[in-house]
Amino acid sequence: MVSAATMFRKSGFNDSDAAMLAKVAAQYQNVADTAVSSEDAASSIVSQIRAFGEDASFATTVIDAYNEV
């Protein structure tokens, strides 16, 4: 979770958002069918948040969509 939180901070999220996003990234790692590193999970979530122009709260929607696919 530390490496994911660090990646979110480097991506411009504040401390509280980075902590929440790190938790979501850890959940994504747990539900992923294939092995996903914390860095890959964080990168994927950041990419989707930026692509859709959303804020950190959108992260749960992202992993829910990944899980359904």
PDB file of N, CA and C in Angstrom:
ATOM      1  N   MET A   1       0.813  -1.191   0.000  1.00  0.00           N
ATOM      2  CA  MET A   1       0.000   0.000   0.000  1.00  0.00           C
ATOM      3  C   MET A   1       0.858   1.258   0.000  1.00  0.00           C
ATOM      4  N   VAL A   2       2.026   1.165   0.596  1.00  0.00           N
ATOM      5  CA  VAL A   2       2.906   2.336   0.662  1.00  0.00           C
ATOM      6  C   VAL A   2       3.343   2.756  -0.735  1.00  0.00           C
ATOM      7  N   SER A   3       3.728   1.786  -1.560  1.00  0.00           N
ATOM      8  CA  SER A   3       4.183   2.144  -2.913  1.00  0.00           C
ATOM      9  C   SER A   3       3.037   2.703  -3.741  1.00  0.00           C
ATOM     10  N   ALA A   4       1.833   2.180  -3.553  1.00  0.00           N
ATOM     11  CA  ALA A   4       0.677   2.715  -4.280  1.00  0.00           C
ATOM     12  C   ALA A   4       0.368   4.135  -3.805  1.00  0.00           C
ATOM     13  N   ALA A   5       0.381   4.353  -2.504  1.00  0.00           N
ATOM     14  CA  ALA A   5       0.122   5.690  -1.970  1.00  0.00           C
ATOM     15  C   ALA A   5       1.164   6.685  -2.471  1.00  0.00           C
ATOM     16  N   THR A   6       2.416   6.248  -2.539  1.00  0.00           N
ATOM     17  CA  THR A   6       3.479   7.109  -3.053  1.00  0.00           C
ATOM     18  C   THR A   6       3.217   7.478  -4.508  1.00  0.00           C
ATOM     19  N   MET A   7       2.786   6.508  -5.296  1.00  0.00           N
ATOM     20  CA  MET A   7       2.499   6.775  -6.708  1.00  0.00           C
ATOM     21  C   MET A   7       1.336   7.766  -6.842  1.00  0.00           C
ATOM     22  N   PHE A   8       0.314   7.621  -6.000  1.00  0.00           N
ATOM     23  CA  PHE A   8      -0.804   8.556  -6.057  1.00  0.00           C
ATOM     24  C   PHE A   8      -0.380   9.958  -5.645  1.00  0.00           C
ATOM     25  N   ARG A   9       0.488  10.070  -4.647  1.00  0.00           N
ATOM     26  CA  ARG A   9       0.994  11.393  -4.248  1.00  0.00           C
ATOM     27  C   ARG A   9       1.794  12.018  -5.384  1.00  0.00           C
ATOM     28  N   LYS A  10       2.627  11.209  -6.051  1.00  0.00           N
ATOM     29  CA  LYS A  10       3.408  11.716  -7.183  1.00  0.00           C
ATOM     30  C   LYS A  10       2.507  12.139  -8.334  1.00  0.00           C
ATOM     31  N   SER A  11       1.317  11.571  -8.389  1.00  0.00           N
ATOM     32  CA  SER A  11       0.362  11.909  -9.453  1.00  0.00           C
ATOM     33  C   SER A  11      -0.458  13.147  -9.115  1.00  0.00           C
ATOM     34  N   GLY A  12      -0.197  13.730  -7.933  1.00  0.00           N
ATOM     35  CA  GLY A  12      -0.837  14.992  -7.591  1.00  0.00           C
ATOM     36  C   GLY A  12      -2.008  14.909  -6.638  1.00  0.00           C
ATOM     37  N   PHE A  13      -2.310  13.740  -6.118  1.00  0.00           N
ATOM     38  CA  PHE A  13      -3.408  13.615  -5.160  1.00  0.00           C
ATOM     39  C   PHE A  13      -2.929  14.007  -3.765  1.00  0.00           C
ATOM     40  N   ASN A  14      -3.839  14.563  -2.959  1.00  0.00           N
ATOM     41  CA  ASN A  14      -3.466  14.952  -1.595  1.00  0.00           C
ATOM     42  C   ASN A  14      -3.340  13.709  -0.711  1.00  0.00           C
ATOM     43  N   ASP A  15      -2.913  13.906   0.529  1.00  0.00           N
ATOM     44  CA  ASP A  15      -2.653  12.785   1.438  1.00  0.00           C
ATOM     45  C   ASP A  15      -3.879  11.908   1.665  1.00  0.00           C
ATOM     46  N   SER A  16      -5.016  12.531   1.937  1.00  0.00           N
ATOM     47  CA  SER A  16      -6.210  11.730   2.226  1.00  0.00           C
ATOM     48  C   SER A  16      -6.691  10.980   0.999  1.00  0.00           C
ATOM     49  N   ASP A  17      -6.654  11.619  -0.178  1.00  0.00           N
ATOM     50  CA  ASP A  17      -7.035  10.925  -1.413  1.00  0.00           C
ATOM     51  C   ASP A  17      -6.056   9.801  -1.731  1.00  0.00           C
ATOM     52  N   ALA A  18      -4.763  10.046  -1.524  1.00  0.00           N
ATOM     53  CA  ALA A  18      -3.750   9.023  -1.796  1.00  0.00           C
ATOM     54  C   ALA A  18      -3.956   7.808  -0.899  1.00  0.00           C
ATOM     55  N   ALA A  19      -4.305   8.027   0.351  1.00  0.00           N
ATOM     56  CA  ALA A  19      -4.560   6.911   1.269  1.00  0.00           C
ATOM     57  C   ALA A  19      -5.789   6.120   0.830  1.00  0.00           C
ATOM     58  N   MET A  20      -6.851   6.818   0.455  1.00  0.00           N
ATOM     59  CA  MET A  20      -8.061   6.154  -0.010  1.00  0.00           C
ATOM     60  C   MET A  20      -7.801   5.400  -1.302  1.00  0.00           C
ATOM     61  N   LEU A  21      -7.061   6.006  -2.207  1.00  0.00           N
ATOM     62  CA  LEU A  21      -6.746   5.370  -3.485  1.00  0.00           C
ATOM     63  C   LEU A  21      -5.837   4.157  -3.295  1.00  0.00           C
ATOM     64  N   ALA A  22      -4.940   4.213  -2.344  1.00  0.00           N
ATOM     65  CA  ALA A  22      -4.080   3.063  -2.052  1.00  0.00           C
ATOM     66  C   ALA A  22      -4.918   1.880  -1.574  1.00  0.00           C
ATOM     67  N   LYS A  23      -5.939   2.163  -0.781  1.00  0.00           N
ATOM     68  CA  LYS A  23      -6.843   1.107  -0.326  1.00  0.00           C
ATOM     69  C   LYS A  23      -7.597   0.509  -1.507  1.00  0.00           C
ATOM     70  N   VAL A  24      -8.054   1.348  -2.415  1.00  0.00           N
ATOM     71  CA  VAL A  24      -8.762   0.875  -3.603  1.00  0.00           C
ATOM     72  C   VAL A  24      -7.821   0.055  -4.488  1.00  0.00           C
ATOM     73  N   ALA A  25      -6.584   0.493  -4.625  1.00  0.00           N
ATOM     74  CA  ALA A  25      -5.600  -0.253  -5.415  1.00  0.00           C
ATOM     75  C   ALA A  25      -5.351  -1.630  -4.808  1.00  0.00           C
ATOM     76  N   ALA A  26      -5.311  -1.707  -3.481  1.00  0.00           N
ATOM     77  CA  ALA A  26      -5.133  -2.998  -2.806  1.00  0.00           C
ATOM     78  C   ALA A  26      -6.333  -3.904  -3.068  1.00  0.00           C
ATOM     79  N   GLN A  27      -7.526  -3.327  -3.083  1.00  0.00           N
ATOM     80  CA  GLN A  27      -8.722  -4.112  -3.406  1.00  0.00           C
ATOM     81  C   GLN A  27      -8.647  -4.623  -4.836  1.00  0.00           C
ATOM     82  N   TYR A  28      -8.181  -3.775  -5.735  1.00  0.00           N
ATOM     83  CA  TYR A  28      -8.032  -4.169  -7.139  1.00  0.00           C
ATOM     84  C   TYR A  28      -7.051  -5.329  -7.267  1.00  0.00           C
ATOM     85  N   GLN A  29      -5.968  -5.277  -6.533  1.00  0.00           N
ATOM     86  CA  GLN A  29      -4.998  -6.378  -6.544  1.00  0.00           C
ATOM     87  C   GLN A  29      -5.653  -7.676  -6.078  1.00  0.00           C
ATOM     88  N   ASN A  30      -6.529  -7.601  -5.097  1.00  0.00           N
ATOM     89  CA  ASN A  30      -7.177  -8.787  -4.549  1.00  0.00           C
ATOM     90  C   ASN A  30      -8.209  -9.400  -5.493  1.00  0.00           C
ATOM     91  N   VAL A  31      -8.879  -8.591  -6.297  1.00  0.00           N
ATOM     92  CA  VAL A  31      -9.917  -9.124  -7.177  1.00  0.00           C
ATOM     93  C   VAL A  31      -9.416  -9.405  -8.589  1.00  0.00           C
ATOM     94  N   ALA A  32      -8.215  -8.963  -8.909  1.00  0.00           N
ATOM     95  CA  ALA A  32      -7.678  -9.174 -10.262  1.00  0.00           C
ATOM     96  C   ALA A  32      -7.445 -10.658 -10.510  1.00  0.00           C
ATOM     97  N   ASP A  33      -7.848 -11.104 -11.693  1.00  0.00           N
ATOM     98  CA  ASP A  33      -7.660 -12.513 -12.052  1.00  0.00           C
ATOM     99  C   ASP A  33      -6.199 -12.847 -12.283  1.00  0.00           C
ATOM    100  N   THR A  34      -5.434 -11.876 -12.716  1.00  0.00           N
ATOM    101  CA  THR A  34      -4.004 -12.088 -12.942  1.00  0.00           C
ATOM    102  C   THR A  34      -3.226 -11.283 -11.916  1.00  0.00           C
ATOM    103  N   ALA A  35      -1.988 -11.634 -11.756  1.00  0.00           N
ATOM    104  CA  ALA A  35      -1.149 -10.924 -10.783  1.00  0.00           C
ATOM    105  C   ALA A  35      -0.954  -9.472 -11.227  1.00  0.00           C
ATOM    106  N   VAL A  36      -1.329  -8.555 -10.369  1.00  0.00           N
ATOM    107  CA  VAL A  36      -1.192  -7.125 -10.629  1.00  0.00           C
ATOM    108  C   VAL A  36      -0.397  -6.536  -9.472  1.00  0.00           C
ATOM    109  N   SER A  37       0.683  -5.837  -9.794  1.00  0.00           N
ATOM    110  CA  SER A  37       1.482  -5.206  -8.743  1.00  0.00           C
ATOM    111  C   SER A  37       0.767  -3.960  -8.234  1.00  0.00           C
ATOM    112  N   SER A  38       1.176  -3.488  -7.090  1.00  0.00           N
ATOM    113  CA  SER A  38       0.561  -2.282  -6.539  1.00  0.00           C
ATOM    114  C   SER A  38       0.819  -1.081  -7.441  1.00  0.00           C
ATOM    115  N   GLU A  39       2.003  -1.042  -8.045  1.00  0.00           N
ATOM    116  CA  GLU A  39       2.320   0.058  -8.960  1.00  0.00           C
ATOM    117  C   GLU A  39       1.441   0.014 -10.210  1.00  0.00           C
ATOM    118  N   ASP A  40       1.228  -1.195 -10.746  1.00  0.00           N
ATOM    119  CA  ASP A  40       0.370  -1.334 -11.928  1.00  0.00           C
ATOM    120  C   ASP A  40      -1.072  -0.982 -11.603  1.00  0.00           C
ATOM    121  N   ALA A  41      -1.540  -1.402 -10.445  1.00  0.00           N
ATOM    122  CA  ALA A  41      -2.900  -1.080 -10.021  1.00  0.00           C
ATOM    123  C   ALA A  41      -3.066   0.429  -9.879  1.00  0.00           C
ATOM    124  N   ALA A  42      -2.110   1.068  -9.229  1.00  0.00           N
ATOM    125  CA  ALA A  42      -2.161   2.520  -9.041  1.00  0.00           C
ATOM    126  C   ALA A  42      -2.115   3.246 -10.377  1.00  0.00           C
ATOM    127  N   SER A  43      -1.234   2.825 -11.242  1.00  0.00           N
ATOM    128  CA  SER A  43      -1.096   3.455 -12.555  1.00  0.00           C
ATOM    129  C   SER A  43      -2.376   3.336 -13.366  1.00  0.00           C
ATOM    130  N   SER A  44      -2.976   2.169 -13.328  1.00  0.00           N
ATOM    131  CA  SER A  44      -4.212   1.930 -14.059  1.00  0.00           C
ATOM    132  C   SER A  44      -5.344   2.805 -13.536  1.00  0.00           C
ATOM    133  N   ILE A  45      -5.449   2.893 -12.223  1.00  0.00           N
ATOM    134  CA  ILE A  45      -6.502   3.715 -11.624  1.00  0.00           C
ATOM    135  C   ILE A  45      -6.295   5.183 -11.953  1.00  0.00           C
ATOM    136  N   VAL A  46      -5.075   5.665 -11.852  1.00  0.00           N
ATOM    137  CA  VAL A  46      -4.784   7.068 -12.181  1.00  0.00           C
ATOM    138  C   VAL A  46      -5.116   7.343 -13.642  1.00  0.00           C
ATOM    139  N   SER A  47      -4.753   6.436 -14.523  1.00  0.00           N
ATOM    140  CA  SER A  47      -5.033   6.625 -15.951  1.00  0.00           C
ATOM    141  C   SER A  47      -6.524   6.773 -16.215  1.00  0.00           C
ATOM    142  N   GLN A  48      -7.325   5.932 -15.565  1.00  0.00           N
ATOM    143  CA  GLN A  48      -8.766   5.998 -15.777  1.00  0.00           C
ATOM    144  C   GLN A  48      -9.383   7.248 -15.162  1.00  0.00           C
ATOM    145  N   ILE A  49      -8.909   7.638 -13.998  1.00  0.00           N
ATOM    146  CA  ILE A  49      -9.409   8.866 -13.379  1.00  0.00           C
ATOM    147  C   ILE A  49      -9.122  10.057 -14.275  1.00  0.00           C
ATOM    148  N   ARG A  50      -7.910  10.123 -14.796  1.00  0.00           N
ATOM    149  CA  ARG A  50      -7.526  11.235 -15.687  1.00  0.00           C
ATOM    150  C   ARG A  50      -8.280  11.173 -17.015  1.00  0.00           C
ATOM    151  N   ALA A  51      -8.438   9.976 -17.575  1.00  0.00           N
ATOM    152  CA  ALA A  51      -9.110   9.828 -18.870  1.00  0.00           C
ATOM    153  C   ALA A  51     -10.565  10.295 -18.816  1.00  0.00           C
ATOM    154  N   PHE A  52     -11.224  10.023 -17.700  1.00  0.00           N
ATOM    155  CA  PHE A  52     -12.624  10.406 -17.572  1.00  0.00           C
ATOM    156  C   PHE A  52     -12.812  11.760 -16.897  1.00  0.00           C
ATOM    157  N   GLY A  53     -11.702  12.398 -16.511  1.00  0.00           N
ATOM    158  CA  GLY A  53     -11.779  13.726 -15.904  1.00  0.00           C
ATOM    159  C   GLY A  53     -12.489  13.730 -14.560  1.00  0.00           C
ATOM    160  N   GLU A  54     -12.338  12.658 -13.821  1.00  0.00           N
ATOM    161  CA  GLU A  54     -13.018  12.514 -12.536  1.00  0.00           C
ATOM    162  C   GLU A  54     -12.062  12.784 -11.378  1.00  0.00           C
ATOM    163  N   ASP A  55     -12.602  12.731 -10.157  1.00  0.00           N
ATOM    164  CA  ASP A  55     -11.761  12.886  -8.971  1.00  0.00           C
ATOM    165  C   ASP A  55     -11.502  11.523  -8.349  1.00  0.00           C
ATOM    166  N   ALA A  56     -10.850  11.518  -7.201  1.00  0.00           N
ATOM    167  CA  ALA A  56     -10.413  10.276  -6.565  1.00  0.00           C
ATOM    168  C   ALA A  56     -11.567   9.339  -6.230  1.00  0.00           C
ATOM    169  N   SER A  57     -12.744   9.878  -5.968  1.00  0.00           N
ATOM    170  CA  SER A  57     -13.885   9.031  -5.608  1.00  0.00           C
ATOM    171  C   SER A  57     -14.313   8.115  -6.750  1.00  0.00           C
ATOM    172  N   PHE A  58     -13.872   8.389  -7.954  1.00  0.00           N
ATOM    173  CA  PHE A  58     -14.198   7.577  -9.133  1.00  0.00           C
ATOM    174  C   PHE A  58     -13.450   6.250  -9.139  1.00  0.00           C
ATOM    175  N   ALA A  59     -12.444   6.096  -8.301  1.00  0.00           N
ATOM    176  CA  ALA A  59     -11.592   4.905  -8.301  1.00  0.00           C
ATOM    177  C   ALA A  59     -12.373   3.625  -8.047  1.00  0.00           C
ATOM    178  N   THR A  60     -13.339   3.670  -7.161  1.00  0.00           N
ATOM    179  CA  THR A  60     -14.138   2.483  -6.879  1.00  0.00           C
ATOM    180  C   THR A  60     -14.934   2.070  -8.106  1.00  0.00           C
ATOM    181  N   THR A  61     -15.446   3.030  -8.844  1.00  0.00           N
ATOM    182  CA  THR A  61     -16.158   2.739 -10.088  1.00  0.00           C
ATOM    183  C   THR A  61     -15.237   2.056 -11.077  1.00  0.00           C
ATOM    184  N   VAL A  62     -13.988   2.493 -11.126  1.00  0.00           N
ATOM    185  CA  VAL A  62     -13.002   1.904 -12.031  1.00  0.00           C
ATOM    186  C   VAL A  62     -12.781   0.433 -11.709  1.00  0.00           C
ATOM    187  N   ILE A  63     -12.527   0.111 -10.452  1.00  0.00           N
ATOM    188  CA  ILE A  63     -12.248  -1.298 -10.139  1.00  0.00           C
ATOM    189  C   ILE A  63     -13.505  -2.147 -10.241  1.00  0.00           C
ATOM    190  N   ASP A  64     -14.672  -1.564  -9.993  1.00  0.00           N
ATOM    191  CA  ASP A  64     -15.924  -2.303 -10.199  1.00  0.00           C
ATOM    192  C   ASP A  64     -16.092  -2.666 -11.669  1.00  0.00           C
ATOM    193  N   ALA A  65     -15.766  -1.726 -12.548  1.00  0.00           N
ATOM    194  CA  ALA A  65     -15.849  -1.995 -13.983  1.00  0.00           C
ATOM    195  C   ALA A  65     -14.832  -3.050 -14.416  1.00  0.00           C
ATOM    196  N   TYR A  66     -13.602  -2.949 -13.901  1.00  0.00           N
ATOM    197  CA  TYR A  66     -12.582  -3.968 -14.198  1.00  0.00           C
ATOM    198  C   TYR A  66     -13.056  -5.345 -13.742  1.00  0.00           C
ATOM    199  N   ASN A  67     -13.663  -5.403 -12.576  1.00  0.00           N
ATOM    200  CA  ASN A  67     -14.130  -6.668 -12.025  1.00  0.00           C
ATOM    201  C   ASN A  67     -15.228  -7.262 -12.894  1.00  0.00           C
ATOM    202  N   GLU A  68     -16.120  -6.449 -13.412  1.00  0.00           N
ATOM    203  CA  GLU A  68     -17.189  -6.960 -14.257  1.00  0.00           C
ATOM    204  C   GLU A  68     -16.672  -7.472 -15.593  1.00  0.00           C
ATOM    205  N   VAL A  69     -15.649  -6.808 -16.110  1.00  0.00           N
ATOM    206  CA  VAL A  69     -15.072  -7.250 -17.395  1.00  0.00           C
ATOM    207  C   VAL A  69     -14.353  -8.548 -17.183  1.00  0.00           C
TER     208      VAL A  69
END
